[in-house]
Structure formats: structure tokens, C-alpha cells
Amino acid sequence: MGFTMYSALYYPHIQVKGEELVKTALLLWDQLKFIAPFAEWAQHSDDYWLQEAFQLIAKPHVPVMS
């Protein structure tokens, strides 16, 4: 039996804003993906706990152009 990781895609913005969404994401999902222009894009916040949460859960999703 395999392990399933759950993730959510934050859309339509590239910067997650809103403390409530991050709190919910920490409880429900393993990853909160956000659309980013490149893989090194990172979420930033002046709030210490929010920045720590981003490091734990936020992952960039770069669309593939074909």
C-alpha cells in the first residue's frame, strides 16, 4: 500500500496572501503549490510564522510551455 500526498494549487495569483489560507493548508494538505514564473520563485512575508509556514508547505508550480 502506497502513501498518498495531497496538494492544492493556489490560483490565480503568484503570491499567496492571506493568513487563513495558509493555516488551512497546513491542516489539510502536504503541499500548497502556487503558479510561478520560474522554479526558484519563493513566497515572502514579513510575519515570522507565516514565512516558516511557507518554507514547510509552499512549492512553486511552473507551467510548461510547449
N, C-alpha and C. Protein backbone atom coordinates (compact mmCIF):
# COMPACT_ATOMS: atom_id res chain seq x y z
N MET A 1 0.85 -1.17 0.00
CA MET A 1 0.00 0.00 0.00
C MET A 1 0.89 1.24 0.00
N GLY A 2 0.62 2.18 -0.89
CA GLY A 2 1.45 3.37 -1.03
C GLY A 2 0.94 4.54 -0.19
N PHE A 3 1.77 5.51 -0.09
CA PHE A 3 1.46 6.72 0.67
C PHE A 3 1.04 7.81 -0.32
N THR A 4 -0.08 8.44 -0.09
CA THR A 4 -0.58 9.49 -0.96
C THR A 4 -0.32 10.85 -0.35
N MET A 5 0.28 11.74 -1.13
CA MET A 5 0.49 13.12 -0.69
C MET A 5 -0.57 14.00 -1.34
N TYR A 6 -1.18 14.83 -0.56
CA TYR A 6 -2.23 15.72 -1.05
C TYR A 6 -1.67 17.12 -1.23
N SER A 7 -2.08 17.76 -2.32
CA SER A 7 -1.64 19.13 -2.57
C SER A 7 -2.78 19.94 -3.14
N ALA A 8 -2.65 21.24 -3.03
CA ALA A 8 -3.63 22.18 -3.59
C ALA A 8 -2.87 23.18 -4.44
N LEU A 9 -3.54 23.70 -5.46
CA LEU A 9 -2.94 24.70 -6.33
C LEU A 9 -3.60 26.04 -6.05
N TYR A 10 -2.79 27.02 -5.64
CA TYR A 10 -3.28 28.37 -5.38
C TYR A 10 -3.34 29.12 -6.71
N TYR A 11 -4.50 29.67 -7.02
CA TYR A 11 -4.72 30.33 -8.30
C TYR A 11 -5.64 31.52 -8.06
N PRO A 12 -5.50 32.64 -8.69
CA PRO A 12 -4.77 32.98 -9.90
C PRO A 12 -3.50 33.79 -9.64
N HIS A 13 -3.16 34.08 -8.40
CA HIS A 13 -2.01 34.94 -8.12
C HIS A 13 -0.74 34.11 -7.87
N ILE A 14 0.42 34.76 -8.01
CA ILE A 14 1.67 34.05 -7.76
C ILE A 14 2.18 34.25 -6.34
N GLN A 15 1.61 35.18 -5.61
CA GLN A 15 2.00 35.42 -4.22
C GLN A 15 0.81 35.08 -3.33
N VAL A 16 0.97 34.13 -2.42
CA VAL A 16 -0.10 33.75 -1.51
C VAL A 16 -0.30 34.86 -0.50
N LYS A 17 -1.50 35.37 -0.43
CA LYS A 17 -1.83 36.40 0.55
C LYS A 17 -3.00 35.87 1.37
N GLY A 18 -2.89 36.01 2.63
CA GLY A 18 -3.97 35.57 3.48
C GLY A 18 -3.53 34.52 4.47
N GLU A 19 -3.55 34.90 5.70
CA GLU A 19 -3.14 34.03 6.79
C GLU A 19 -4.08 32.83 6.92
N GLU A 20 -5.36 33.03 6.68
CA GLU A 20 -6.34 31.96 6.83
C GLU A 20 -6.08 30.81 5.85
N LEU A 21 -5.74 31.13 4.62
CA LEU A 21 -5.44 30.09 3.63
C LEU A 21 -4.23 29.26 4.06
N VAL A 22 -3.22 29.91 4.57
CA VAL A 22 -2.01 29.19 4.99
C VAL A 22 -2.32 28.27 6.18
N LYS A 23 -3.10 28.75 7.12
CA LYS A 23 -3.48 27.92 8.26
C LYS A 23 -4.27 26.70 7.81
N THR A 24 -5.21 26.91 6.89
CA THR A 24 -5.99 25.80 6.36
C THR A 24 -5.11 24.82 5.61
N ALA A 25 -4.19 25.34 4.81
CA ALA A 25 -3.28 24.49 4.04
C ALA A 25 -2.42 23.62 4.95
N LEU A 26 -1.94 24.19 6.04
CA LEU A 26 -1.12 23.42 6.97
C LEU A 26 -1.89 22.25 7.58
N LEU A 27 -3.19 22.43 7.76
CA LEU A 27 -4.01 21.37 8.34
C LEU A 27 -4.45 20.31 7.32
N LEU A 28 -4.69 20.72 6.07
CA LEU A 28 -5.31 19.82 5.11
C LEU A 28 -4.38 19.17 4.09
N TRP A 29 -3.33 19.87 3.68
CA TRP A 29 -2.54 19.39 2.56
C TRP A 29 -1.07 19.24 2.93
N ASP A 30 -0.38 18.42 2.14
CA ASP A 30 1.06 18.25 2.31
C ASP A 30 1.83 19.36 1.61
N GLN A 31 1.24 19.89 0.52
CA GLN A 31 1.86 20.97 -0.23
C GLN A 31 0.80 21.96 -0.68
N LEU A 32 1.18 23.22 -0.72
CA LEU A 32 0.37 24.26 -1.32
C LEU A 32 1.18 24.81 -2.49
N LYS A 33 0.80 24.40 -3.69
CA LYS A 33 1.53 24.83 -4.87
C LYS A 33 0.95 26.14 -5.38
N PHE A 34 1.82 26.99 -5.88
CA PHE A 34 1.39 28.26 -6.45
C PHE A 34 2.04 28.41 -7.81
N ILE A 35 1.33 29.02 -8.74
CA ILE A 35 1.86 29.20 -10.09
C ILE A 35 2.98 30.23 -10.02
N ALA A 36 4.13 29.87 -10.60
CA ALA A 36 5.31 30.73 -10.54
C ALA A 36 5.95 30.85 -11.92
N PRO A 37 6.61 31.98 -12.18
CA PRO A 37 7.25 32.16 -13.49
C PRO A 37 8.51 31.32 -13.65
N PHE A 38 9.15 30.92 -12.56
CA PHE A 38 10.34 30.06 -12.62
C PHE A 38 10.46 29.29 -11.30
N ALA A 39 11.22 28.21 -11.33
CA ALA A 39 11.28 27.28 -10.20
C ALA A 39 11.85 27.88 -8.92
N GLU A 40 12.70 28.89 -9.03
CA GLU A 40 13.32 29.48 -7.84
C GLU A 40 12.44 30.52 -7.15
N TRP A 41 11.27 30.78 -7.68
CA TRP A 41 10.36 31.77 -7.11
C TRP A 41 9.96 31.31 -5.71
N ALA A 42 9.97 32.21 -4.75
CA ALA A 42 9.65 31.85 -3.37
C ALA A 42 8.61 32.83 -2.80
N GLN A 43 7.88 32.35 -1.83
CA GLN A 43 6.90 33.17 -1.13
C GLN A 43 7.63 33.95 -0.04
N HIS A 44 7.22 35.20 0.19
CA HIS A 44 7.85 36.03 1.21
C HIS A 44 6.79 36.69 2.08
N SER A 45 7.14 36.86 3.34
CA SER A 45 6.26 37.54 4.28
C SER A 45 7.10 38.19 5.36
N ASP A 46 6.62 39.31 5.88
CA ASP A 46 7.30 39.97 7.00
C ASP A 46 6.98 39.27 8.32
N ASP A 47 5.90 38.50 8.33
CA ASP A 47 5.47 37.78 9.52
C ASP A 47 6.32 36.52 9.68
N TYR A 48 6.98 36.35 10.82
CA TYR A 48 7.91 35.22 11.03
C TYR A 48 7.23 33.87 10.88
N TRP A 49 6.08 33.67 11.55
CA TRP A 49 5.44 32.36 11.49
C TRP A 49 4.93 32.05 10.10
N LEU A 50 4.47 33.07 9.37
CA LEU A 50 3.99 32.86 8.01
C LEU A 50 5.14 32.46 7.09
N GLN A 51 6.29 33.07 7.26
CA GLN A 51 7.48 32.71 6.47
C GLN A 51 7.90 31.27 6.77
N GLU A 52 7.84 30.86 8.02
CA GLU A 52 8.16 29.48 8.39
C GLU A 52 7.16 28.51 7.75
N ALA A 53 5.89 28.87 7.75
CA ALA A 53 4.87 28.02 7.13
C ALA A 53 5.11 27.89 5.63
N PHE A 54 5.49 28.99 4.97
CA PHE A 54 5.79 28.93 3.54
C PHE A 54 6.94 27.96 3.26
N GLN A 55 7.95 27.98 4.10
CA GLN A 55 9.09 27.08 3.90
C GLN A 55 8.68 25.62 4.06
N LEU A 56 7.69 25.35 4.90
CA LEU A 56 7.24 23.98 5.11
C LEU A 56 6.35 23.47 3.98
N ILE A 57 5.47 24.31 3.47
CA ILE A 57 4.39 23.81 2.64
C ILE A 57 4.35 24.38 1.22
N ALA A 58 4.79 25.59 0.99
CA ALA A 58 4.65 26.25 -0.31
C ALA A 58 5.69 25.75 -1.31
N LYS A 59 5.21 25.33 -2.48
CA LYS A 59 6.09 24.84 -3.54
C LYS A 59 5.68 25.51 -4.86
N PRO A 60 6.64 26.00 -5.64
CA PRO A 60 6.29 26.62 -6.92
C PRO A 60 5.85 25.58 -7.95
N HIS A 61 4.88 25.95 -8.77
CA HIS A 61 4.45 25.13 -9.90
C HIS A 61 4.68 25.97 -11.16
N VAL A 62 5.63 25.56 -11.97
CA VAL A 62 5.97 26.29 -13.18
C VAL A 62 5.26 25.66 -14.37
N PRO A 63 4.37 26.40 -15.03
CA PRO A 63 3.69 25.84 -16.20
C PRO A 63 4.68 25.52 -17.31
N VAL A 64 4.45 24.44 -18.02
CA VAL A 64 5.31 24.04 -19.13
C VAL A 64 4.74 24.62 -20.42
N MET A 65 5.56 25.37 -21.12
CA MET A 65 5.14 25.92 -22.40
C MET A 65 5.58 24.98 -23.51
N SER A 66 4.66 24.61 -24.37
CA SER A 66 5.05 23.72 -25.47
C SER A 66 4.75 24.33 -26.82
